[in-house]
Amino acid sequence: MAYQDEVGVKKTKAGTAGKYFEELYYMHNKAGRSRLWADLEVFEFEKDVYDSALISSSFDRVITQLEDISPFVENILIYQYVGLMSKPDSIAGAGHKRAEKLYVDYMRWFNKQRGLV
């Protein structure tokens, strides 16, 4: 089961969803269903929530989200990769320029975690 962190839709704030995932973690373990995943929202709305375009969030916010929920989940997915993270100069580029920045910032962090930089 993958629960959304709901940061992009502003139902929670980055750095606060972990308390919900901690409770879900304990409930899943109690029920004998320890596999818990998260669906991380890496977007924000350009203006009003649900009434404007989705744009990529900053990587600073994403790393806060990752650090907050990762102790309680086995895997983390993201909502709608296409258009929110886009490799620069890709022949299939999509989304706003912020999508390229989020991709670059994420890959820099990811490669550092793996000892590749």
PDB file of N, CA and C in Angstrom:
ATOM      1  N   MET A   1       0.848  -1.161   0.000  1.00  0.00           N
ATOM      2  CA  MET A   1       0.000   0.000   0.000  1.00  0.00           C
ATOM      3  C   MET A   1       0.892   1.220   0.000  1.00  0.00           C
ATOM      4  N   ALA A   2       0.592   2.183  -0.868  1.00  0.00           N
ATOM      5  CA  ALA A   2       1.363   3.429  -0.953  1.00  0.00           C
ATOM      6  C   ALA A   2       0.439   4.600  -0.635  1.00  0.00           C
ATOM      7  N   TYR A   3       0.671   5.213   0.495  1.00  0.00           N
ATOM      8  CA  TYR A   3      -0.115   6.376   0.904  1.00  0.00           C
ATOM      9  C   TYR A   3       0.533   7.651   0.379  1.00  0.00           C
ATOM     10  N   GLN A   4      -0.287   8.592  -0.053  1.00  0.00           N
ATOM     11  CA  GLN A   4       0.222   9.883  -0.501  1.00  0.00           C
ATOM     12  C   GLN A   4       0.603  10.720   0.711  1.00  0.00           C
ATOM     13  N   ASP A   5       1.672  11.498   0.590  1.00  0.00           N
ATOM     14  CA  ASP A   5       2.041  12.364   1.708  1.00  0.00           C
ATOM     15  C   ASP A   5       1.219  13.652   1.722  1.00  0.00           C
ATOM     16  N   GLU A   6       0.582  13.983   0.639  1.00  0.00           N
ATOM     17  CA  GLU A   6      -0.351  15.105   0.492  1.00  0.00           C
ATOM     18  C   GLU A   6       0.271  16.474   0.730  1.00  0.00           C
ATOM     19  N   VAL A   7       1.581  16.565   0.538  1.00  0.00           N
ATOM     20  CA  VAL A   7       2.259  17.851   0.692  1.00  0.00           C
ATOM     21  C   VAL A   7       1.937  18.756  -0.499  1.00  0.00           C
ATOM     22  N   GLY A   8       1.903  18.194  -1.698  1.00  0.00           N
ATOM     23  CA  GLY A   8       1.628  18.999  -2.888  1.00  0.00           C
ATOM     24  C   GLY A   8       0.245  19.611  -2.905  1.00  0.00           C
ATOM     25  N   VAL A   9      -0.723  18.925  -2.327  1.00  0.00           N
ATOM     26  CA  VAL A   9      -2.092  19.443  -2.286  1.00  0.00           C
ATOM     27  C   VAL A   9      -2.363  20.235  -1.003  1.00  0.00           C
ATOM     28  N   LYS A  10      -1.293  20.469  -0.246  1.00  0.00           N
ATOM     29  CA  LYS A  10      -1.313  21.312   0.953  1.00  0.00           C
ATOM     30  C   LYS A  10      -2.234  20.799   2.065  1.00  0.00           C
ATOM     31  N   LYS A  11      -2.410  19.465   2.121  1.00  0.00           N
ATOM     32  CA  LYS A  11      -3.135  18.893   3.255  1.00  0.00           C
ATOM     33  C   LYS A  11      -2.191  18.620   4.410  1.00  0.00           C
ATOM     34  N   THR A  12      -0.889  18.499   4.100  1.00  0.00           N
ATOM     35  CA  THR A  12       0.162  18.431   5.111  1.00  0.00           C
ATOM     36  C   THR A  12       1.301  19.327   4.647  1.00  0.00           C
ATOM     37  N   LYS A  13       2.239  19.567   5.535  1.00  0.00           N
ATOM     38  CA  LYS A  13       3.406  20.376   5.196  1.00  0.00           C
ATOM     39  C   LYS A  13       4.638  19.496   5.204  1.00  0.00           C
ATOM     40  N   ALA A  14       5.609  19.854   4.383  1.00  0.00           N
ATOM     41  CA  ALA A  14       6.877  19.113   4.355  1.00  0.00           C
ATOM     42  C   ALA A  14       7.458  19.105   5.764  1.00  0.00           C
ATOM     43  N   GLY A  15       7.844  17.918   6.209  1.00  0.00           N
ATOM     44  CA  GLY A  15       8.400  17.767   7.539  1.00  0.00           C
ATOM     45  C   GLY A  15       7.395  17.365   8.599  1.00  0.00           C
ATOM     46  N   THR A  16       6.115  17.250   8.210  1.00  0.00           N
ATOM     47  CA  THR A  16       5.095  16.875   9.195  1.00  0.00           C
ATOM     48  C   THR A  16       4.397  15.553   8.884  1.00  0.00           C
ATOM     49  N   ALA A  17       4.493  15.096   7.655  1.00  0.00           N
ATOM     50  CA  ALA A  17       3.790  13.860   7.273  1.00  0.00           C
ATOM     51  C   ALA A  17       4.384  12.622   7.945  1.00  0.00           C
ATOM     52  N   GLY A  18       5.610  12.706   8.407  1.00  0.00           N
ATOM     53  CA  GLY A  18       6.253  11.562   9.052  1.00  0.00           C
ATOM     54  C   GLY A  18       5.468  11.023  10.224  1.00  0.00           C
ATOM     55  N   LYS A  19       4.824  11.901  10.988  1.00  0.00           N
ATOM     56  CA  LYS A  19       4.045  11.426  12.139  1.00  0.00           C
ATOM     57  C   LYS A  19       2.872  10.562  11.678  1.00  0.00           C
ATOM     58  N   TYR A  20       2.301  10.867  10.531  1.00  0.00           N
ATOM     59  CA  TYR A  20       1.212  10.041   9.997  1.00  0.00           C
ATOM     60  C   TYR A  20       1.748   8.700   9.504  1.00  0.00           C
ATOM     61  N   PHE A  21       2.889   8.746   8.832  1.00  0.00           N
ATOM     62  CA  PHE A  21       3.485   7.506   8.339  1.00  0.00           C
ATOM     63  C   PHE A  21       3.972   6.626   9.479  1.00  0.00           C
ATOM     64  N   GLU A  22       4.398   7.224  10.564  1.00  0.00           N
ATOM     65  CA  GLU A  22       4.792   6.441  11.738  1.00  0.00           C
ATOM     66  C   GLU A  22       3.586   5.678  12.283  1.00  0.00           C
ATOM     67  N   GLU A  23       2.458   6.338  12.397  1.00  0.00           N
ATOM     68  CA  GLU A  23       1.237   5.669  12.866  1.00  0.00           C
ATOM     69  C   GLU A  23       0.799   4.573  11.895  1.00  0.00           C
ATOM     70  N   LEU A  24       0.857   4.867  10.595  1.00  0.00           N
ATOM     71  CA  LEU A  24       0.514   3.853   9.593  1.00  0.00           C
ATOM     72  C   LEU A  24       1.441   2.658   9.690  1.00  0.00           C
ATOM     73  N   TYR A  25       2.721   2.929   9.923  1.00  0.00           N
ATOM     74  CA  TYR A  25       3.716   1.863  10.070  1.00  0.00           C
ATOM     75  C   TYR A  25       3.320   0.920  11.208  1.00  0.00           C
ATOM     76  N   TYR A  26       2.980   1.491  12.355  1.00  0.00           N
ATOM     77  CA  TYR A  26       2.597   0.663  13.503  1.00  0.00           C
ATOM     78  C   TYR A  26       1.284  -0.080  13.257  1.00  0.00           C
ATOM     79  N   MET A  27       0.337   0.569  12.599  1.00  0.00           N
ATOM     80  CA  MET A  27      -0.941  -0.096  12.295  1.00  0.00           C
ATOM     81  C   MET A  27      -0.726  -1.251  11.327  1.00  0.00           C
ATOM     82  N   HIS A  28       0.108  -1.053  10.318  1.00  0.00           N
ATOM     83  CA  HIS A  28       0.385  -2.121   9.361  1.00  0.00           C
ATOM     84  C   HIS A  28       1.083  -3.293  10.039  1.00  0.00           C
ATOM     85  N   ASN A  29       2.046  -3.003  10.888  1.00  0.00           N
ATOM     86  CA  ASN A  29       2.744  -4.076  11.609  1.00  0.00           C
ATOM     87  C   ASN A  29       1.781  -4.852  12.504  1.00  0.00           C
ATOM     88  N   LYS A  30       0.913  -4.148  13.189  1.00  0.00           N
ATOM     89  CA  LYS A  30      -0.063  -4.789  14.073  1.00  0.00           C
ATOM     90  C   LYS A  30      -0.995  -5.709  13.283  1.00  0.00           C
ATOM     91  N   ALA A  31      -1.308  -5.306  12.058  1.00  0.00           N
ATOM     92  CA  ALA A  31      -2.199  -6.102  11.211  1.00  0.00           C
ATOM     93  C   ALA A  31      -1.449  -7.196  10.453  1.00  0.00           C
ATOM     94  N   GLY A  32      -0.120  -7.295  10.663  1.00  0.00           N
ATOM     95  CA  GLY A  32       0.668  -8.302   9.958  1.00  0.00           C
ATOM     96  C   GLY A  32       0.947  -7.938   8.513  1.00  0.00           C
ATOM     97  N   ARG A  33       0.822  -6.679   8.196  1.00  0.00           N
ATOM     98  CA  ARG A  33       1.062  -6.168   6.840  1.00  0.00           C
ATOM     99  C   ARG A  33       2.145  -5.097   6.908  1.00  0.00           C
ATOM    100  N   SER A  34       3.370  -5.525   7.062  1.00  0.00           N
ATOM    101  CA  SER A  34       4.438  -4.576   7.332  1.00  0.00           C
ATOM    102  C   SER A  34       4.923  -3.811   6.108  1.00  0.00           C
ATOM    103  N   ARG A  35       4.537  -4.221   4.918  1.00  0.00           N
ATOM    104  CA  ARG A  35       5.019  -3.530   3.713  1.00  0.00           C
ATOM    105  C   ARG A  35       4.248  -2.233   3.516  1.00  0.00           C
ATOM    106  N   LEU A  36       4.925  -1.140   3.700  1.00  0.00           N
ATOM    107  CA  LEU A  36       4.309   0.174   3.591  1.00  0.00           C
ATOM    108  C   LEU A  36       5.146   1.025   2.642  1.00  0.00           C
ATOM    109  N   TRP A  37       4.486   1.619   1.680  1.00  0.00           N
ATOM    110  CA  TRP A  37       5.150   2.490   0.718  1.00  0.00           C
ATOM    111  C   TRP A  37       4.561   3.888   0.836  1.00  0.00           C
ATOM    112  N   ALA A  38       5.249   4.844   0.241  1.00  0.00           N
ATOM    113  CA  ALA A  38       4.770   6.220   0.214  1.00  0.00           C
ATOM    114  C   ALA A  38       4.726   6.722  -1.217  1.00  0.00           C
ATOM    115  N   ASP A  39       3.775   7.579  -1.469  1.00  0.00           N
ATOM    116  CA  ASP A  39       3.655   8.283  -2.741  1.00  0.00           C
ATOM    117  C   ASP A  39       3.948   9.743  -2.435  1.00  0.00           C
ATOM    118  N   LEU A  40       5.150  10.168  -2.763  1.00  0.00           N
ATOM    119  CA  LEU A  40       5.631  11.501  -2.442  1.00  0.00           C
ATOM    120  C   LEU A  40       5.179  12.482  -3.519  1.00  0.00           C
ATOM    121  N   GLU A  41       4.542  13.546  -3.119  1.00  0.00           N
ATOM    122  CA  GLU A  41       4.096  14.553  -4.080  1.00  0.00           C
ATOM    123  C   GLU A  41       5.223  15.563  -4.304  1.00  0.00           C
ATOM    124  N   VAL A  42       5.795  15.565  -5.501  1.00  0.00           N
ATOM    125  CA  VAL A  42       6.921  16.437  -5.827  1.00  0.00           C
ATOM    126  C   VAL A  42       6.460  17.664  -6.623  1.00  0.00           C
ATOM    127  N   PHE A  43       5.218  18.011  -6.450  1.00  0.00           N
ATOM    128  CA  PHE A  43       4.646  19.144  -7.171  1.00  0.00           C
ATOM    129  C   PHE A  43       4.087  20.157  -6.192  1.00  0.00           C
ATOM    130  N   GLU A  44       3.791  21.302  -6.752  1.00  0.00           N
ATOM    131  CA  GLU A  44       2.981  22.299  -6.069  1.00  0.00           C
ATOM    132  C   GLU A  44       2.085  22.909  -7.136  1.00  0.00           C
ATOM    133  N   PHE A  45       1.130  23.663  -6.725  1.00  0.00           N
ATOM    134  CA  PHE A  45       0.248  24.315  -7.682  1.00  0.00           C
ATOM    135  C   PHE A  45       0.778  25.712  -7.978  1.00  0.00           C
ATOM    136  N   GLU A  46       0.654  26.114  -9.239  1.00  0.00           N
ATOM    137  CA  GLU A  46       1.148  27.420  -9.649  1.00  0.00           C
ATOM    138  C   GLU A  46       0.435  28.537  -8.885  1.00  0.00           C
ATOM    139  N   LYS A  47      -0.848  28.346  -8.652  1.00  0.00           N
ATOM    140  CA  LYS A  47      -1.637  29.338  -7.890  1.00  0.00           C
ATOM    141  C   LYS A  47      -2.517  28.580  -6.909  1.00  0.00           C
ATOM    142  N   ASP A  48      -3.823  28.589  -7.133  1.00  0.00           N
ATOM    143  CA  ASP A  48      -4.753  27.933  -6.213  1.00  0.00           C
ATOM    144  C   ASP A  48      -4.714  26.414  -6.357  1.00  0.00           C
ATOM    145  N   VAL A  49      -4.751  25.717  -5.223  1.00  0.00           N
ATOM    146  CA  VAL A  49      -4.769  24.254  -5.218  1.00  0.00           C
ATOM    147  C   VAL A  49      -5.990  23.764  -5.996  1.00  0.00           C
ATOM    148  N   TYR A  50      -5.777  22.808  -6.870  1.00  0.00           N
ATOM    149  CA  TYR A  50      -6.777  22.172  -7.732  1.00  0.00           C
ATOM    150  C   TYR A  50      -7.306  23.077  -8.845  1.00  0.00           C
ATOM    151  N   ASP A  51      -6.967  24.368  -8.842  1.00  0.00           N
ATOM    152  CA  ASP A  51      -7.485  25.284  -9.853  1.00  0.00           C
ATOM    153  C   ASP A  51      -6.383  25.947 -10.670  1.00  0.00           C
ATOM    154  N   SER A  52      -5.197  25.353 -10.656  1.00  0.00           N
ATOM    155  CA  SER A  52      -4.102  25.906 -11.455  1.00  0.00           C
ATOM    156  C   SER A  52      -3.155  24.778 -11.842  1.00  0.00           C
ATOM    157  N   ALA A  53      -2.182  25.123 -12.632  1.00  0.00           N
ATOM    158  CA  ALA A  53      -1.249  24.126 -13.163  1.00  0.00           C
ATOM    159  C   ALA A  53      -0.341  23.560 -12.070  1.00  0.00           C
ATOM    160  N   LEU A  54       0.036  22.279 -12.245  1.00  0.00           N
ATOM    161  CA  LEU A  54       1.036  21.665 -11.381  1.00  0.00           C
ATOM    162  C   LEU A  54       2.415  22.049 -11.890  1.00  0.00           C
ATOM    163  N   ILE A  55       3.289  22.436 -10.962  1.00  0.00           N
ATOM    164  CA  ILE A  55       4.678  22.708 -11.307  1.00  0.00           C
ATOM    165  C   ILE A  55       5.566  21.960 -10.310  1.00  0.00           C
ATOM    166  N   SER A  56       6.796  21.761 -10.670  1.00  0.00           N
ATOM    167  CA  SER A  56       7.731  21.025  -9.822  1.00  0.00           C
ATOM    168  C   SER A  56       8.034  21.808  -8.557  1.00  0.00           C
ATOM    169  N   SER A  57       8.150  21.079  -7.456  1.00  0.00           N
ATOM    170  CA  SER A  57       8.541  21.734  -6.210  1.00  0.00           C
ATOM    171  C   SER A  57      10.053  21.918  -6.204  1.00  0.00           C
ATOM    172  N   SER A  58      10.546  22.566  -5.179  1.00  0.00           N
ATOM    173  CA  SER A  58      11.993  22.695  -5.015  1.00  0.00           C
ATOM    174  C   SER A  58      12.538  21.388  -4.460  1.00  0.00           C
ATOM    175  N   PHE A  59      13.813  21.104  -4.733  1.00  0.00           N
ATOM    176  CA  PHE A  59      14.409  19.903  -4.187  1.00  0.00           C
ATOM    177  C   PHE A  59      14.573  20.016  -2.678  1.00  0.00           C
ATOM    178  N   ASP A  60      14.757  21.212  -2.166  1.00  0.00           N
ATOM    179  CA  ASP A  60      14.843  21.385  -0.711  1.00  0.00           C
ATOM    180  C   ASP A  60      13.588  20.840  -0.031  1.00  0.00           C
ATOM    181  N   ARG A  61      12.440  21.110  -0.619  1.00  0.00           N
ATOM    182  CA  ARG A  61      11.205  20.584  -0.040  1.00  0.00           C
ATOM    183  C   ARG A  61      11.147  19.069  -0.175  1.00  0.00           C
ATOM    184  N   VAL A  62      11.550  18.557  -1.340  1.00  0.00           N
ATOM    185  CA  VAL A  62      11.521  17.112  -1.576  1.00  0.00           C
ATOM    186  C   VAL A  62      12.428  16.378  -0.596  1.00  0.00           C
ATOM    187  N   ILE A  63      13.622  16.895  -0.342  1.00  0.00           N
ATOM    188  CA  ILE A  63      14.524  16.214   0.583  1.00  0.00           C
ATOM    189  C   ILE A  63      13.933  16.232   1.992  1.00  0.00           C
ATOM    190  N   THR A  64      13.263  17.300   2.371  1.00  0.00           N
ATOM    191  CA  THR A  64      12.582  17.337   3.668  1.00  0.00           C
ATOM    192  C   THR A  64      11.524  16.243   3.735  1.00  0.00           C
ATOM    193  N   GLN A  65      10.769  16.085   2.668  1.00  0.00           N
ATOM    194  CA  GLN A  65       9.745  15.037   2.616  1.00  0.00           C
ATOM    195  C   GLN A  65      10.382  13.649   2.725  1.00  0.00           C
ATOM    196  N   LEU A  66      11.449  13.432   1.959  1.00  0.00           N
ATOM    197  CA  LEU A  66      12.129  12.137   1.978  1.00  0.00           C
ATOM    198  C   LEU A  66      12.648  11.794   3.373  1.00  0.00           C
ATOM    199  N   GLU A  67      13.314  12.744   3.999  1.00  0.00           N
ATOM    200  CA  GLU A  67      13.871  12.505   5.325  1.00  0.00           C
ATOM    201  C   GLU A  67      12.780  12.268   6.361  1.00  0.00           C
ATOM    202  N   ASP A  68      11.653  12.902   6.184  1.00  0.00           N
ATOM    203  CA  ASP A  68      10.551  12.810   7.138  1.00  0.00           C
ATOM    204  C   ASP A  68       9.875  11.440   7.128  1.00  0.00           C
ATOM    205  N   ILE A  69       9.651  10.884   5.948  1.00  0.00           N
ATOM    206  CA  ILE A  69       8.863   9.640   5.881  1.00  0.00           C
ATOM    207  C   ILE A  69       9.689   8.382   5.673  1.00  0.00           C
ATOM    208  N   SER A  70      10.930   8.526   5.216  1.00  0.00           N
ATOM    209  CA  SER A  70      11.713   7.334   4.871  1.00  0.00           C
ATOM    210  C   SER A  70      11.944   6.348   6.019  1.00  0.00           C
ATOM    211  N   PRO A  71      11.998   6.774   7.287  1.00  0.00           N
ATOM    212  CA  PRO A  71      12.185   5.773   8.345  1.00  0.00           C
ATOM    213  C   PRO A  71      11.017   4.785   8.473  1.00  0.00           C
ATOM    214  N   PHE A  72       9.871   5.114   7.900  1.00  0.00           N
ATOM    215  CA  PHE A  72       8.669   4.316   8.123  1.00  0.00           C
ATOM    216  C   PHE A  72       8.175   3.544   6.904  1.00  0.00           C
ATOM    217  N   VAL A  73       8.858   3.699   5.765  1.00  0.00           N
ATOM    218  CA  VAL A  73       8.379   3.056   4.540  1.00  0.00           C
ATOM    219  C   VAL A  73       9.470   2.221   3.885  1.00  0.00           C
ATOM    220  N   GLU A  74       9.026   1.221   3.138  1.00  0.00           N
ATOM    221  CA  GLU A  74       9.944   0.340   2.423  1.00  0.00           C
ATOM    222  C   GLU A  74      10.379   0.944   1.089  1.00  0.00           C
ATOM    223  N   ASN A  75       9.465   1.609   0.401  1.00  0.00           N
ATOM    224  CA  ASN A  75       9.741   2.228  -0.899  1.00  0.00           C
ATOM    225  C   ASN A  75       9.022   3.562  -0.988  1.00  0.00           C
ATOM    226  N   ILE A  76       9.598   4.454  -1.789  1.00  0.00           N
ATOM    227  CA  ILE A  76       8.974   5.756  -2.028  1.00  0.00           C
ATOM    228  C   ILE A  76       8.795   5.935  -3.531  1.00  0.00           C
ATOM    229  N   LEU A  77       7.576   6.213  -3.920  1.00  0.00           N
ATOM    230  CA  LEU A  77       7.226   6.523  -5.305  1.00  0.00           C
ATOM    231  C   LEU A  77       6.996   8.024  -5.394  1.00  0.00           C
ATOM    232  N   ILE A  78       6.926   8.546  -6.605  1.00  0.00           N
ATOM    233  CA  ILE A  78       6.513   9.939  -6.745  1.00  0.00           C
ATOM    234  C   ILE A  78       5.312  10.009  -7.667  1.00  0.00           C
ATOM    235  N   TYR A  79       4.507  11.008  -7.443  1.00  0.00           N
ATOM    236  CA  TYR A  79       3.334  11.239  -8.270  1.00  0.00           C
ATOM    237  C   TYR A  79       3.766  11.908  -9.559  1.00  0.00           C
ATOM    238  N   GLN A  80       3.381  11.335 -10.668  1.00  0.00           N
ATOM    239  CA  GLN A  80       3.526  11.913 -12.004  1.00  0.00           C
ATOM    240  C   GLN A  80       4.938  12.383 -12.318  1.00  0.00           C
ATOM    241  N   TYR A  81       5.795  11.463 -12.612  1.00  0.00           N
ATOM    242  CA  TYR A  81       7.183  11.800 -12.973  1.00  0.00           C
ATOM    243  C   TYR A  81       7.235  12.678 -14.222  1.00  0.00           C
ATOM    244  N   VAL A  82       6.532  12.286 -15.268  1.00  0.00           N
ATOM    245  CA  VAL A  82       6.593  13.020 -16.536  1.00  0.00           C
ATOM    246  C   VAL A  82       6.038  14.430 -16.345  1.00  0.00           C
ATOM    247  N   GLY A  83       6.853  15.398 -16.662  1.00  0.00           N
ATOM    248  CA  GLY A  83       6.445  16.784 -16.541  1.00  0.00           C
ATOM    249  C   GLY A  83       6.858  17.430 -15.238  1.00  0.00           C
ATOM    250  N   LEU A  84       7.179  16.627 -14.223  1.00  0.00           N
ATOM    251  CA  LEU A  84       7.617  17.182 -12.944  1.00  0.00           C
ATOM    252  C   LEU A  84       9.110  17.012 -12.726  1.00  0.00           C
ATOM    253  N   MET A  85       9.685  15.985 -13.349  1.00  0.00           N
ATOM    254  CA  MET A  85      11.133  15.786 -13.376  1.00  0.00           C
ATOM    255  C   MET A  85      11.487  15.476 -14.820  1.00  0.00           C
ATOM    256  N   SER A  86      12.392  16.241 -15.380  1.00  0.00           N
ATOM    257  CA  SER A  86      12.716  16.069 -16.791  1.00  0.00           C
ATOM    258  C   SER A  86      14.217  16.229 -16.990  1.00  0.00           C
ATOM    259  N   LYS A  87      14.835  15.208 -17.560  1.00  0.00           N
ATOM    260  CA  LYS A  87      16.266  15.247 -17.824  1.00  0.00           C
ATOM    261  C   LYS A  87      16.555  16.340 -18.855  1.00  0.00           C
ATOM    262  N   PRO A  88      17.469  17.259 -18.541  1.00  0.00           N
ATOM    263  CA  PRO A  88      17.789  18.314 -19.509  1.00  0.00           C
ATOM    264  C   PRO A  88      18.259  17.742 -20.845  1.00  0.00           C
ATOM    265  N   ASP A  89      17.880  18.394 -21.888  1.00  0.00           N
ATOM    266  CA  ASP A  89      18.263  18.027 -23.252  1.00  0.00           C
ATOM    267  C   ASP A  89      17.711  16.675 -23.707  1.00  0.00           C
ATOM    268  N   SER A  90      16.746  16.138 -23.000  1.00  0.00           N
ATOM    269  CA  SER A  90      16.125  14.884 -23.409  1.00  0.00           C
ATOM    270  C   SER A  90      15.287  15.124 -24.663  1.00  0.00           C
ATOM    271  N   ILE A  91      15.255  14.139 -25.559  1.00  0.00           N
ATOM    272  CA  ILE A  91      14.408  14.289 -26.752  1.00  0.00           C
ATOM    273  C   ILE A  91      12.929  14.221 -26.375  1.00  0.00           C
ATOM    274  N   ALA A  92      12.652  13.744 -25.169  1.00  0.00           N
ATOM    275  CA  ALA A  92      11.270  13.649 -24.704  1.00  0.00           C
ATOM    276  C   ALA A  92      11.028  14.567 -23.514  1.00  0.00           C
ATOM    277  N   GLY A  93      11.674  15.719 -23.495  1.00  0.00           N
ATOM    278  CA  GLY A  93      11.508  16.656 -22.394  1.00  0.00           C
ATOM    279  C   GLY A  93      10.062  17.083 -22.241  1.00  0.00           C
ATOM    280  N   ALA A  94       9.671  17.288 -21.016  1.00  0.00           N
ATOM    281  CA  ALA A  94       8.288  17.687 -20.757  1.00  0.00           C
ATOM    282  C   ALA A  94       8.254  18.580 -19.531  1.00  0.00           C
ATOM    283  N   GLY A  95       7.291  19.457 -19.503  1.00  0.00           N
ATOM    284  CA  GLY A  95       7.084  20.266 -18.320  1.00  0.00           C
ATOM    285  C   GLY A  95       7.816  21.595 -18.353  1.00  0.00           C
ATOM    286  N   HIS A  96       7.763  22.254 -17.243  1.00  0.00           N
ATOM    287  CA  HIS A  96       8.335  23.560 -17.014  1.00  0.00           C
ATOM    288  C   HIS A  96       9.848  23.432 -16.806  1.00  0.00           C
ATOM    289  N   LYS A  97      10.590  24.521 -16.932  1.00  0.00           N
ATOM    290  CA  LYS A  97      12.037  24.499 -16.676  1.00  0.00           C
ATOM    291  C   LYS A  97      12.343  24.024 -15.254  1.00  0.00           C
ATOM    292  N   ARG A  98      11.416  24.240 -14.325  1.00  0.00           N
ATOM    293  CA  ARG A  98      11.620  23.764 -12.954  1.00  0.00           C
ATOM    294  C   ARG A  98      11.720  22.241 -12.915  1.00  0.00           C
ATOM    295  N   ALA A  99      11.124  21.563 -13.901  1.00  0.00           N
ATOM    296  CA  ALA A  99      11.207  20.103 -13.970  1.00  0.00           C
ATOM    297  C   ALA A  99      12.637  19.656 -14.228  1.00  0.00           C
ATOM    298  N   GLU A 100      13.362  20.421 -15.026  1.00  0.00           N
ATOM    299  CA  GLU A 100      14.768  20.102 -15.274  1.00  0.00           C
ATOM    300  C   GLU A 100      15.611  20.349 -14.027  1.00  0.00           C
ATOM    301  N   LYS A 101      15.354  21.433 -13.327  1.00  0.00           N
ATOM    302  CA  LYS A 101      16.111  21.739 -12.115  1.00  0.00           C
ATOM    303  C   LYS A 101      15.866  20.668 -11.053  1.00  0.00           C
ATOM    304  N   LEU A 102      14.622  20.251 -10.878  1.00  0.00           N
ATOM    305  CA  LEU A 102      14.329  19.208  -9.894  1.00  0.00           C
ATOM    306  C   LEU A 102      15.053  17.915 -10.254  1.00  0.00           C
ATOM    307  N   TYR A 103      15.066  17.573 -11.525  1.00  0.00           N
ATOM    308  CA  TYR A 103      15.778  16.365 -11.969  1.00  0.00           C
ATOM    309  C   TYR A 103      17.273  16.469 -11.656  1.00  0.00           C
ATOM    310  N   VAL A 104      17.885  17.580 -12.025  1.00  0.00           N
ATOM    311  CA  VAL A 104      19.326  17.765 -11.813  1.00  0.00           C
ATOM    312  C   VAL A 104      19.660  17.734 -10.315  1.00  0.00           C
ATOM    313  N   ASP A 105      18.890  18.447  -9.519  1.00  0.00           N
ATOM    314  CA  ASP A 105      19.138  18.474  -8.072  1.00  0.00           C
ATOM    315  C   ASP A 105      18.950  17.096  -7.454  1.00  0.00           C
ATOM    316  N   TYR A 106      17.916  16.394  -7.877  1.00  0.00           N
ATOM    317  CA  TYR A 106      17.677  15.049  -7.349  1.00  0.00           C
ATOM    318  C   TYR A 106      18.814  14.096  -7.736  1.00  0.00           C
ATOM    319  N   MET A 107      19.213  14.112  -9.005  1.00  0.00           N
ATOM    320  CA  MET A 107      20.269  13.201  -9.452  1.00  0.00           C
ATOM    321  C   MET A 107      21.597  13.499  -8.766  1.00  0.00           C
ATOM    322  N   ARG A 108      21.886  14.762  -8.509  1.00  0.00           N
ATOM    323  CA  ARG A 108      23.109  15.127  -7.782  1.00  0.00           C
ATOM    324  C   ARG A 108      23.062  14.503  -6.383  1.00  0.00           C
ATOM    325  N   TRP A 109      21.934  14.654  -5.702  1.00  0.00           N
ATOM    326  CA  TRP A 109      21.759  14.074  -4.362  1.00  0.00           C
ATOM    327  C   TRP A 109      21.820  12.545  -4.419  1.00  0.00           C
ATOM    328  N   PHE A 110      21.118  11.958  -5.360  1.00  0.00           N
ATOM    329  CA  PHE A 110      21.062  10.497  -5.504  1.00  0.00           C
ATOM    330  C   PHE A 110      22.455   9.914  -5.730  1.00  0.00           C
ATOM    331  N   ASN A 111      23.204  10.511  -6.655  1.00  0.00           N
ATOM    332  CA  ASN A 111      24.557  10.025  -6.943  1.00  0.00           C
ATOM    333  C   ASN A 111      25.491  10.204  -5.753  1.00  0.00           C
ATOM    334  N   LYS A 112      25.295  11.276  -4.996  1.00  0.00           N
ATOM    335  CA  LYS A 112      26.096  11.480  -3.791  1.00  0.00           C
ATOM    336  C   LYS A 112      25.792  10.383  -2.768  1.00  0.00           C
ATOM    337  N   GLN A 113      24.529  10.009  -2.638  1.00  0.00           N
ATOM    338  CA  GLN A 113      24.135   8.942  -1.705  1.00  0.00           C
ATOM    339  C   GLN A 113      24.785   7.622  -2.077  1.00  0.00           C
ATOM    340  N   ARG A 114      24.966   7.399  -3.350  1.00  0.00           N
ATOM    341  CA  ARG A 114      25.555   6.155  -3.844  1.00  0.00           C
ATOM    342  C   ARG A 114      27.081   6.233  -3.928  1.00  0.00           C
ATOM    343  N   GLY A 115      27.659   7.354  -3.541  1.00  0.00           N
ATOM    344  CA  GLY A 115      29.102   7.523  -3.574  1.00  0.00           C
ATOM    345  C   GLY A 115      29.670   7.724  -4.959  1.00  0.00           C
ATOM    346  N   LEU A 116      28.861   8.249  -5.864  1.00  0.00           N
ATOM    347  CA  LEU A 116      29.287   8.425  -7.253  1.00  0.00           C
ATOM    348  C   LEU A 116      29.805   9.824  -7.536  1.00  0.00           C
ATOM    349  N   VAL A 117      29.793  10.693  -6.556  1.00  0.00           N
ATOM    350  CA  VAL A 117      30.347  12.050  -6.748  1.00  0.00           C
ATOM    351  C   VAL A 117      31.300  12.404  -5.640  1.00  0.00           C
TER     352      VAL A 117
END
